[in-house]
N, C-alpha and C. Protein backbone atom coordinates (compact mmCIF):
# COMPACT_ATOMS: atom_id res chain seq x y z
N MET A 1 -2.48 1.91 8.13
CA MET A 1 -1.98 0.56 7.91
C MET A 1 -0.48 0.54 8.18
N GLN A 2 -0.05 -0.44 8.91
CA GLN A 2 1.35 -0.56 9.27
C GLN A 2 2.17 -1.15 8.13
N THR A 3 3.41 -0.70 8.03
CA THR A 3 4.32 -1.29 7.06
C THR A 3 4.92 -2.54 7.67
N PRO A 4 5.51 -3.42 6.86
CA PRO A 4 6.18 -4.59 7.42
C PRO A 4 7.28 -4.21 8.40
N PHE A 5 7.94 -3.09 8.17
CA PHE A 5 9.00 -2.64 9.08
C PHE A 5 8.43 -2.31 10.45
N GLU A 6 7.27 -1.67 10.48
CA GLU A 6 6.62 -1.34 11.75
C GLU A 6 6.13 -2.59 12.46
N ILE A 7 5.58 -3.53 11.70
CA ILE A 7 5.08 -4.77 12.30
C ILE A 7 6.22 -5.54 12.97
N LEU A 8 7.36 -5.61 12.28
CA LEU A 8 8.50 -6.35 12.84
C LEU A 8 9.35 -5.50 13.77
N ASP A 9 9.05 -4.21 13.85
CA ASP A 9 9.77 -3.28 14.72
C ASP A 9 11.26 -3.23 14.37
N VAL A 10 11.54 -2.99 13.07
CA VAL A 10 12.91 -2.86 12.58
C VAL A 10 13.03 -1.57 11.78
N ALA A 11 14.25 -1.08 11.65
CA ALA A 11 14.51 0.11 10.84
C ALA A 11 14.35 -0.23 9.37
N GLU A 12 14.02 0.77 8.58
CA GLU A 12 13.82 0.55 7.15
C GLU A 12 15.10 0.15 6.43
N ASP A 13 16.25 0.46 7.02
CA ASP A 13 17.52 0.08 6.42
C ASP A 13 18.15 -1.13 7.11
N ALA A 14 17.33 -1.91 7.81
CA ALA A 14 17.83 -3.08 8.55
C ALA A 14 18.37 -4.14 7.59
N SER A 15 19.33 -4.89 8.08
CA SER A 15 19.93 -5.97 7.29
C SER A 15 19.02 -7.20 7.29
N ASP A 16 19.33 -8.14 6.39
CA ASP A 16 18.58 -9.40 6.35
C ASP A 16 18.61 -10.08 7.71
N GLU A 17 19.79 -10.09 8.33
CA GLU A 17 19.96 -10.75 9.63
C GLU A 17 19.14 -10.07 10.71
N ALA A 18 19.13 -8.74 10.73
CA ALA A 18 18.35 -8.01 11.74
C ALA A 18 16.86 -8.25 11.56
N ILE A 19 16.42 -8.33 10.32
CA ILE A 19 15.00 -8.58 10.05
C ILE A 19 14.62 -9.99 10.49
N LYS A 20 15.48 -10.96 10.20
CA LYS A 20 15.21 -12.34 10.62
C LYS A 20 15.17 -12.44 12.15
N LYS A 21 16.09 -11.76 12.82
CA LYS A 21 16.14 -11.78 14.27
C LYS A 21 14.86 -11.16 14.87
N ALA A 22 14.43 -10.05 14.30
CA ALA A 22 13.20 -9.40 14.77
C ALA A 22 11.99 -10.30 14.52
N TYR A 23 11.98 -10.96 13.36
CA TYR A 23 10.89 -11.88 13.03
C TYR A 23 10.80 -13.01 14.05
N LEU A 24 11.93 -13.64 14.34
CA LEU A 24 11.94 -14.76 15.30
C LEU A 24 11.50 -14.30 16.69
N LYS A 25 11.91 -13.10 17.07
CA LYS A 25 11.50 -12.55 18.37
C LYS A 25 9.98 -12.35 18.41
N LYS A 26 9.42 -11.78 17.33
CA LYS A 26 7.98 -11.56 17.28
C LYS A 26 7.20 -12.88 17.27
N VAL A 27 7.75 -13.89 16.60
CA VAL A 27 7.08 -15.20 16.56
C VAL A 27 7.08 -15.82 17.96
N ARG A 28 8.19 -15.67 18.69
CA ARG A 28 8.22 -16.19 20.07
C ARG A 28 7.20 -15.47 20.95
N GLU A 29 7.03 -14.17 20.72
CA GLU A 29 6.06 -13.39 21.50
C GLU A 29 4.62 -13.70 21.10
N ASN A 30 4.40 -14.08 19.85
CA ASN A 30 3.05 -14.33 19.33
C ASN A 30 2.99 -15.67 18.60
N PRO A 31 3.10 -16.78 19.32
CA PRO A 31 3.05 -18.08 18.63
C PRO A 31 1.66 -18.31 18.02
N PRO A 32 1.60 -19.08 16.94
CA PRO A 32 0.32 -19.29 16.26
C PRO A 32 -0.74 -19.96 17.14
N GLU A 33 -0.29 -20.71 18.14
CA GLU A 33 -1.26 -21.38 19.02
C GLU A 33 -2.04 -20.36 19.86
N ARG A 34 -1.42 -19.22 20.16
CA ARG A 34 -2.08 -18.22 21.00
C ARG A 34 -2.80 -17.15 20.20
N ASN A 35 -2.21 -16.71 19.11
CA ASN A 35 -2.80 -15.59 18.37
C ASN A 35 -2.53 -15.79 16.87
N VAL A 36 -3.44 -16.45 16.21
CA VAL A 36 -3.27 -16.80 14.81
C VAL A 36 -3.18 -15.54 13.94
N ALA A 37 -4.04 -14.56 14.20
CA ALA A 37 -4.06 -13.34 13.38
C ALA A 37 -2.74 -12.58 13.48
N ALA A 38 -2.23 -12.42 14.69
CA ALA A 38 -0.96 -11.71 14.88
C ALA A 38 0.18 -12.47 14.22
N PHE A 39 0.19 -13.79 14.39
CA PHE A 39 1.24 -14.61 13.78
C PHE A 39 1.21 -14.47 12.26
N GLN A 40 0.01 -14.51 11.68
CA GLN A 40 -0.13 -14.40 10.23
C GLN A 40 0.37 -13.03 9.75
N GLN A 41 0.04 -11.98 10.48
CA GLN A 41 0.49 -10.64 10.12
C GLN A 41 2.02 -10.54 10.17
N ILE A 42 2.61 -11.12 11.20
CA ILE A 42 4.07 -11.12 11.35
C ILE A 42 4.71 -11.92 10.21
N ARG A 43 4.15 -13.07 9.91
CA ARG A 43 4.69 -13.92 8.84
C ARG A 43 4.63 -13.21 7.48
N GLU A 44 3.49 -12.58 7.18
CA GLU A 44 3.34 -11.87 5.92
C GLU A 44 4.31 -10.69 5.83
N ALA A 45 4.49 -9.99 6.94
CA ALA A 45 5.44 -8.86 6.96
C ALA A 45 6.85 -9.36 6.66
N TYR A 46 7.22 -10.45 7.30
CA TYR A 46 8.56 -11.01 7.08
C TYR A 46 8.75 -11.45 5.64
N GLU A 47 7.75 -12.09 5.07
CA GLU A 47 7.85 -12.56 3.69
C GLU A 47 7.98 -11.41 2.70
N ARG A 48 7.44 -10.25 3.04
CA ARG A 48 7.49 -9.10 2.12
C ARG A 48 8.84 -8.40 2.12
N ILE A 49 9.59 -8.48 3.23
CA ILE A 49 10.85 -7.72 3.31
C ILE A 49 12.04 -8.58 3.71
N ARG A 50 11.93 -9.86 3.55
CA ARG A 50 12.96 -10.81 4.01
C ARG A 50 14.32 -10.58 3.35
N THR A 51 14.35 -10.30 2.07
CA THR A 51 15.63 -10.13 1.38
C THR A 51 15.74 -8.70 0.84
N GLU A 52 16.94 -8.34 0.45
CA GLU A 52 17.18 -7.01 -0.12
C GLU A 52 16.31 -6.78 -1.36
N LYS A 53 16.22 -7.79 -2.20
CA LYS A 53 15.40 -7.68 -3.42
C LYS A 53 13.94 -7.44 -3.08
N GLN A 54 13.43 -8.18 -2.09
CA GLN A 54 12.03 -8.01 -1.70
C GLN A 54 11.79 -6.62 -1.11
N ARG A 55 12.76 -6.10 -0.36
CA ARG A 55 12.61 -4.75 0.20
C ARG A 55 12.57 -3.70 -0.91
N ARG A 56 13.42 -3.86 -1.93
CA ARG A 56 13.39 -2.93 -3.07
C ARG A 56 12.04 -2.99 -3.77
N GLU A 57 11.53 -4.19 -3.98
CA GLU A 57 10.22 -4.34 -4.62
C GLU A 57 9.12 -3.74 -3.76
N PHE A 58 9.22 -3.91 -2.45
CA PHE A 58 8.23 -3.32 -1.55
C PHE A 58 8.20 -1.80 -1.73
N TRP A 59 9.37 -1.18 -1.72
CA TRP A 59 9.42 0.28 -1.84
C TRP A 59 8.96 0.74 -3.22
N LEU A 60 9.26 -0.03 -4.25
CA LEU A 60 8.87 0.37 -5.59
C LEU A 60 7.38 0.19 -5.86
N PHE A 61 6.84 -0.94 -5.43
CA PHE A 61 5.49 -1.30 -5.86
C PHE A 61 4.41 -1.26 -4.80
N HIS A 62 4.77 -1.33 -3.54
CA HIS A 62 3.73 -1.48 -2.52
C HIS A 62 3.62 -0.31 -1.56
N HIS A 63 4.69 0.40 -1.36
CA HIS A 63 4.67 1.37 -0.28
C HIS A 63 3.95 2.67 -0.61
N GLU A 64 4.21 3.25 -1.76
CA GLU A 64 3.70 4.58 -2.06
C GLU A 64 2.48 4.57 -2.99
N LYS A 65 1.65 3.57 -2.89
CA LYS A 65 0.46 3.56 -3.73
C LYS A 65 -0.47 4.69 -3.27
N PRO A 66 -1.07 5.39 -4.21
CA PRO A 66 -1.92 6.51 -3.83
C PRO A 66 -3.18 6.04 -3.12
N ASP A 67 -3.60 6.81 -2.16
CA ASP A 67 -4.84 6.58 -1.44
C ASP A 67 -5.92 7.39 -2.17
N PHE A 68 -6.67 6.73 -3.05
CA PHE A 68 -7.61 7.45 -3.89
C PHE A 68 -8.72 8.12 -3.09
N GLN A 69 -9.15 7.50 -2.01
CA GLN A 69 -10.18 8.13 -1.19
C GLN A 69 -9.65 9.43 -0.57
N ALA A 70 -8.39 9.43 -0.12
CA ALA A 70 -7.79 10.64 0.45
C ALA A 70 -7.65 11.71 -0.63
N LEU A 71 -7.25 11.31 -1.85
CA LEU A 71 -7.15 12.27 -2.94
C LEU A 71 -8.52 12.88 -3.25
N LEU A 72 -9.53 12.06 -3.22
CA LEU A 72 -10.88 12.53 -3.47
C LEU A 72 -11.31 13.53 -2.40
N ARG A 73 -11.05 13.21 -1.13
CA ARG A 73 -11.41 14.13 -0.04
C ARG A 73 -10.68 15.46 -0.19
N ARG A 74 -9.39 15.40 -0.54
CA ARG A 74 -8.63 16.64 -0.73
C ARG A 74 -9.18 17.45 -1.88
N SER A 75 -9.57 16.79 -2.96
CA SER A 75 -10.10 17.52 -4.10
C SER A 75 -11.44 18.17 -3.75
N LEU A 76 -12.21 17.53 -2.90
CA LEU A 76 -13.48 18.11 -2.47
C LEU A 76 -13.24 19.40 -1.69
N HIS A 77 -12.21 19.39 -0.84
CA HIS A 77 -11.89 20.59 -0.07
C HIS A 77 -11.34 21.69 -0.96
N ALA A 78 -10.82 21.33 -2.12
CA ALA A 78 -10.26 22.32 -3.03
C ALA A 78 -11.32 22.91 -3.96
N GLY A 79 -12.57 22.48 -3.80
CA GLY A 79 -13.64 23.04 -4.61
C GLY A 79 -14.00 22.25 -5.84
N VAL A 80 -13.46 21.08 -6.01
CA VAL A 80 -13.83 20.23 -7.13
C VAL A 80 -15.19 19.63 -6.83
N PRO A 81 -16.09 19.56 -7.80
CA PRO A 81 -17.43 19.01 -7.53
C PRO A 81 -17.36 17.62 -6.91
N GLU A 82 -18.27 17.35 -6.01
CA GLU A 82 -18.25 16.09 -5.27
C GLU A 82 -18.53 14.90 -6.18
N ARG A 83 -17.79 13.86 -5.95
CA ARG A 83 -17.99 12.58 -6.61
C ARG A 83 -18.26 11.57 -5.51
N PRO A 84 -19.24 10.69 -5.67
CA PRO A 84 -19.58 9.78 -4.58
C PRO A 84 -18.51 8.75 -4.25
N ASP A 85 -17.68 8.35 -5.22
CA ASP A 85 -16.64 7.37 -4.92
C ASP A 85 -15.58 7.39 -6.01
N VAL A 86 -14.55 6.59 -5.82
CA VAL A 86 -13.44 6.56 -6.76
C VAL A 86 -13.90 6.07 -8.13
N GLY A 87 -14.83 5.13 -8.16
CA GLY A 87 -15.33 4.63 -9.43
C GLY A 87 -15.95 5.73 -10.27
N SER A 88 -16.70 6.62 -9.63
CA SER A 88 -17.28 7.74 -10.36
C SER A 88 -16.21 8.68 -10.86
N LEU A 89 -15.20 8.91 -10.04
CA LEU A 89 -14.09 9.78 -10.44
C LEU A 89 -13.39 9.19 -11.65
N THR A 90 -13.13 7.89 -11.62
CA THR A 90 -12.49 7.22 -12.74
C THR A 90 -13.37 7.30 -13.98
N GLY A 91 -14.67 7.09 -13.80
CA GLY A 91 -15.60 7.17 -14.91
C GLY A 91 -15.63 8.56 -15.52
N ALA A 92 -15.61 9.59 -14.68
CA ALA A 92 -15.61 10.97 -15.17
C ALA A 92 -14.33 11.26 -15.94
N LEU A 93 -13.19 10.77 -15.44
CA LEU A 93 -11.93 10.96 -16.15
C LEU A 93 -11.95 10.26 -17.50
N THR A 94 -12.49 9.04 -17.53
CA THR A 94 -12.57 8.29 -18.78
C THR A 94 -13.46 9.03 -19.77
N GLU A 95 -14.60 9.55 -19.32
CA GLU A 95 -15.49 10.30 -20.20
C GLU A 95 -14.80 11.54 -20.74
N SER A 96 -14.04 12.21 -19.88
CA SER A 96 -13.32 13.41 -20.29
C SER A 96 -12.29 13.09 -21.37
N VAL A 97 -11.56 12.00 -21.20
CA VAL A 97 -10.57 11.59 -22.19
C VAL A 97 -11.26 11.23 -23.50
N LEU A 98 -12.38 10.50 -23.43
CA LEU A 98 -13.11 10.13 -24.64
C LEU A 98 -13.66 11.37 -25.36
N ASP A 99 -14.15 12.34 -24.59
CA ASP A 99 -14.64 13.58 -25.19
C ASP A 99 -13.51 14.31 -25.91
N ASP A 100 -12.33 14.34 -25.30
CA ASP A 100 -11.19 14.99 -25.94
C ASP A 100 -10.81 14.28 -27.23
N LEU A 101 -10.82 12.94 -27.21
CA LEU A 101 -10.48 12.18 -28.42
C LEU A 101 -11.50 12.41 -29.52
N LYS A 102 -12.78 12.47 -29.15
CA LYS A 102 -13.83 12.72 -30.16
C LYS A 102 -13.65 14.10 -30.78
N ALA A 103 -13.29 15.06 -29.94
CA ALA A 103 -13.11 16.42 -30.43
C ALA A 103 -11.93 16.53 -31.38
N LYS A 104 -10.90 15.72 -31.19
CA LYS A 104 -9.70 15.79 -32.01
C LYS A 104 -9.79 14.93 -33.27
N THR A 105 -10.76 14.01 -33.30
CA THR A 105 -10.90 13.11 -34.44
C THR A 105 -11.64 13.84 -35.56
N PRO A 106 -11.06 13.86 -36.78
CA PRO A 106 -11.76 14.51 -37.91
C PRO A 106 -13.01 13.72 -38.27
N HIS A 107 -14.04 14.44 -38.68
CA HIS A 107 -15.33 13.80 -39.01
C HIS A 107 -15.38 13.38 -40.43
């Protein structure tokens, strides 16, 4: 998946002005009348990184989210028993935590 910086073809440390200029250039190359999907992707990318505050929020909250499927695949290669999907992995973790709490709770 491309980042907004890749979509707009700008450096990650680009200024507001450089991002706006790149956005306008991409819109001229992909007007909504010709390619609605590309225009929408460009517009969404611009809206996510338009200002310095939005770029900080992008890096904090959107960029480094873990890819749970990739983590699951890596764990399978490391010898962890296979889980069919992330939901099962989450369920197993929840059961493990509940088992630990039950074990620590006095009867």
